[in-house]
Amino acid sequence: MITDYDSFIAYFETLALSHNKVKSFFDGSIDRVSEAVRSEIEYYAFYISYPEIQANENFSQQNETWSSAITLFGNFERDNHEAEQLVLQETLTIIRQLVGKIRENDFDGEIDFKITSAYEVVSPTFSDNCTGWRFEFEVINSLCNEYDESDPIWQ
């Protein structure tokens, strides 16, 4: 269950690295990924952006909508169109498998997940021999935390 930022990142890191073809996980700023590409990175690489969090209130129920994006990319030999197409096919297959696992967790009540964009081809600007797929999504979190006046933080 995703209840805070740490559990959000942990869920997607566990998901990504449980797939035997995903070798690297990055979260946060795209700058972290571009730095890794300049040094050493193992492909296929999974990147999840910082979430944008919107608080919602509907009568007696409170929740948050966490909007983010996932990018999965691999590398290929420069100027080799066939290799690029192979990376696109493989990353699309992996993305579909990961989304299938998320949907299974959604059905089981572990996560409330909704894709909010099309899958789109990306070619990160920090490398001219990487490509893959990106999509945006939302996770809805019910807020169970209630204000407690006796909590020492309010003293």
Protein backbone atom coordinates (compact mmCIF):
# COMPACT_ATOMS: atom_id res chain seq x y z
CA MET A 1 0.00 0.00 0.00
CA ILE A 2 1.33 3.42 -0.94
CA THR A 3 0.93 5.81 1.97
CA ASP A 4 3.84 8.24 1.63
CA TYR A 5 6.74 9.21 -0.62
CA ASP A 6 9.03 6.42 0.60
CA SER A 7 6.41 3.74 -0.03
CA PHE A 8 5.66 5.26 -3.47
CA ILE A 9 9.31 4.97 -4.51
CA ALA A 10 9.74 1.56 -2.85
CA TYR A 11 6.70 0.15 -4.66
CA PHE A 12 7.95 1.17 -8.10
CA GLU A 13 11.57 0.22 -7.40
CA THR A 14 10.51 -3.25 -6.26
CA LEU A 15 8.23 -3.57 -9.28
CA ALA A 16 10.90 -2.48 -11.75
CA LEU A 17 13.76 -4.54 -10.39
CA SER A 18 11.61 -7.65 -10.05
CA HIS A 19 11.53 -7.80 -13.87
CA ASN A 20 14.61 -9.74 -14.98
CA LYS A 21 15.32 -7.40 -17.91
CA VAL A 22 15.27 -4.16 -15.91
CA LYS A 23 18.76 -3.52 -14.58
CA SER A 24 18.63 0.07 -13.29
CA PHE A 25 16.12 2.15 -11.34
CA PHE A 26 16.07 5.94 -11.04
CA ASP A 27 13.65 8.27 -9.33
CA GLY A 28 13.39 12.01 -8.97
CA SER A 29 15.08 14.40 -11.33
CA ILE A 30 16.04 13.44 -14.88
CA ASP A 31 19.46 14.89 -14.04
CA ARG A 32 20.19 11.75 -11.99
CA VAL A 33 19.61 9.63 -15.08
CA SER A 34 21.70 11.84 -17.37
CA GLU A 35 24.60 11.70 -14.89
CA ALA A 36 24.37 7.91 -14.78
CA VAL A 37 24.34 7.68 -18.59
CA ARG A 38 27.55 9.65 -18.69
CA SER A 39 29.16 7.18 -16.31
CA GLU A 40 27.83 3.64 -16.10
CA ILE A 41 24.27 2.53 -16.46
CA GLU A 42 22.83 -0.91 -17.01
CA TYR A 43 19.99 -1.27 -19.50
CA TYR A 44 17.06 -1.57 -19.51
CA ALA A 45 16.60 1.40 -17.21
CA PHE A 46 13.41 2.37 -15.39
CA TYR A 47 12.88 6.01 -14.45
CA ILE A 48 9.99 7.44 -12.41
CA SER A 49 9.61 11.19 -12.09
CA TYR A 50 8.85 13.10 -8.92
CA PRO A 51 5.12 12.85 -8.24
CA GLU A 52 2.87 15.87 -8.24
CA ILE A 53 0.51 15.50 -5.28
CA GLN A 54 -3.01 16.95 -5.28
CA ALA A 55 -5.05 16.84 -2.06
CA ASN A 56 -8.73 16.07 -2.60
CA GLU A 57 -11.66 16.28 -0.23
CA ASN A 58 -15.02 14.74 -0.97
CA PHE A 59 -17.44 15.14 1.93
CA SER A 60 -16.07 12.90 4.69
CA GLN A 61 -13.41 11.20 2.55
CA GLN A 62 -9.97 12.67 1.99
CA ASN A 63 -7.44 11.39 -0.50
CA GLU A 64 -4.49 12.46 -2.59
CA THR A 65 -3.86 12.01 -6.28
CA TRP A 66 -0.20 11.33 -7.02
CA SER A 67 0.58 12.08 -10.69
CA SER A 68 3.85 10.88 -12.15
CA ALA A 69 5.42 9.32 -15.24
CA ILE A 70 7.38 6.18 -15.96
CA THR A 71 10.02 5.93 -18.66
CA LEU A 72 11.71 2.69 -19.65
CA PHE A 73 14.63 2.98 -22.01
CA GLY A 74 17.45 1.00 -23.49
CA ASN A 75 20.45 1.75 -25.64
CA PHE A 76 21.41 0.73 -29.15
CA GLU A 77 24.32 1.06 -31.53
CA ARG A 78 24.33 4.56 -32.96
CA ASP A 79 23.01 4.86 -36.55
CA ASN A 80 21.63 1.33 -36.45
CA HIS A 81 17.92 1.60 -37.21
CA GLU A 82 17.26 -2.13 -36.76
CA ALA A 83 18.86 -2.08 -33.30
CA GLU A 84 16.79 0.99 -32.38
CA GLN A 85 13.59 -0.76 -33.49
CA LEU A 86 14.52 -3.82 -31.45
CA VAL A 87 14.99 -1.66 -28.33
CA LEU A 88 11.61 -0.03 -28.96
CA GLN A 89 9.90 -3.41 -29.30
CA GLU A 90 11.59 -4.84 -26.20
CA THR A 91 10.90 -1.80 -24.00
CA LEU A 92 7.25 -1.74 -25.10
CA THR A 93 6.93 -5.41 -24.17
CA ILE A 94 8.49 -4.76 -20.75
CA ILE A 95 6.27 -1.70 -20.14
CA ARG A 96 3.18 -3.77 -20.93
CA GLN A 97 4.34 -6.52 -18.56
CA LEU A 98 5.00 -4.00 -15.76
CA VAL A 99 1.60 -2.36 -16.27
CA GLY A 100 0.02 -5.83 -16.17
CA LYS A 101 1.62 -6.41 -12.77
CA ILE A 102 0.43 -3.00 -11.52
CA ARG A 103 -3.10 -3.78 -12.72
CA GLU A 104 -2.97 -7.09 -10.84
CA ASN A 105 -1.94 -5.18 -7.69
CA ASP A 106 -4.75 -2.68 -8.38
CA PHE A 107 -7.26 -5.53 -8.56
CA ASP A 108 -5.87 -6.92 -5.28
CA GLY A 109 -6.31 -3.52 -3.58
CA GLU A 110 -2.59 -2.87 -3.10
CA ILE A 111 -2.63 0.25 -5.31
CA ASP A 112 -5.27 2.45 -6.97
CA PHE A 113 -3.68 3.04 -10.39
CA LYS A 114 -4.82 4.74 -13.59
CA ILE A 115 -2.86 5.48 -16.79
CA THR A 116 -3.55 9.06 -17.86
CA SER A 117 -1.69 9.31 -21.17
CA ALA A 118 -0.77 7.34 -24.24
CA TYR A 119 2.46 5.39 -24.36
CA GLU A 120 4.87 7.61 -26.26
CA VAL A 121 8.30 6.99 -27.75
CA VAL A 122 11.05 8.96 -26.04
CA SER A 123 14.62 9.60 -26.97
CA PRO A 124 16.28 11.24 -23.98
CA THR A 125 18.22 14.36 -24.93
CA PHE A 126 21.22 13.36 -22.83
CA SER A 127 22.08 10.47 -25.17
CA ASP A 128 21.68 9.97 -28.90
CA ASN A 129 21.62 6.18 -28.68
CA CYS A 130 18.86 5.64 -26.10
CA THR A 131 15.17 5.19 -26.75
CA GLY A 132 12.13 3.70 -25.08
CA TRP A 133 8.61 4.44 -23.93
CA ARG A 134 6.99 6.82 -21.44
CA PHE A 135 3.51 7.13 -19.95
CA GLU A 136 1.85 9.20 -17.26
CA PHE A 137 -0.28 7.81 -14.48
CA GLU A 138 -2.08 8.57 -11.24
CA VAL A 139 -2.18 6.76 -7.93
CA ILE A 140 -4.99 7.57 -5.49
CA ASN A 141 -4.18 7.36 -1.79
CA SER A 142 -6.89 7.41 0.86
CA LEU A 143 -5.77 9.49 3.80
CA CYS A 144 -6.26 7.70 7.08
CA ASN A 145 -4.18 10.11 9.11
CA GLU A 146 -6.34 12.32 11.24
CA TYR A 147 -5.41 15.34 13.24
CA ASP A 148 -4.58 14.34 16.79
CA GLU A 149 -4.34 17.26 19.19
CA SER A 150 -2.45 15.15 21.74
CA ASP A 151 0.36 14.44 19.25
CA PRO A 152 3.59 15.96 20.64
CA ILE A 153 4.21 17.84 17.39
CA TRP A 154 1.39 20.24 18.39
CA GLN A 155 2.67 20.97 21.88
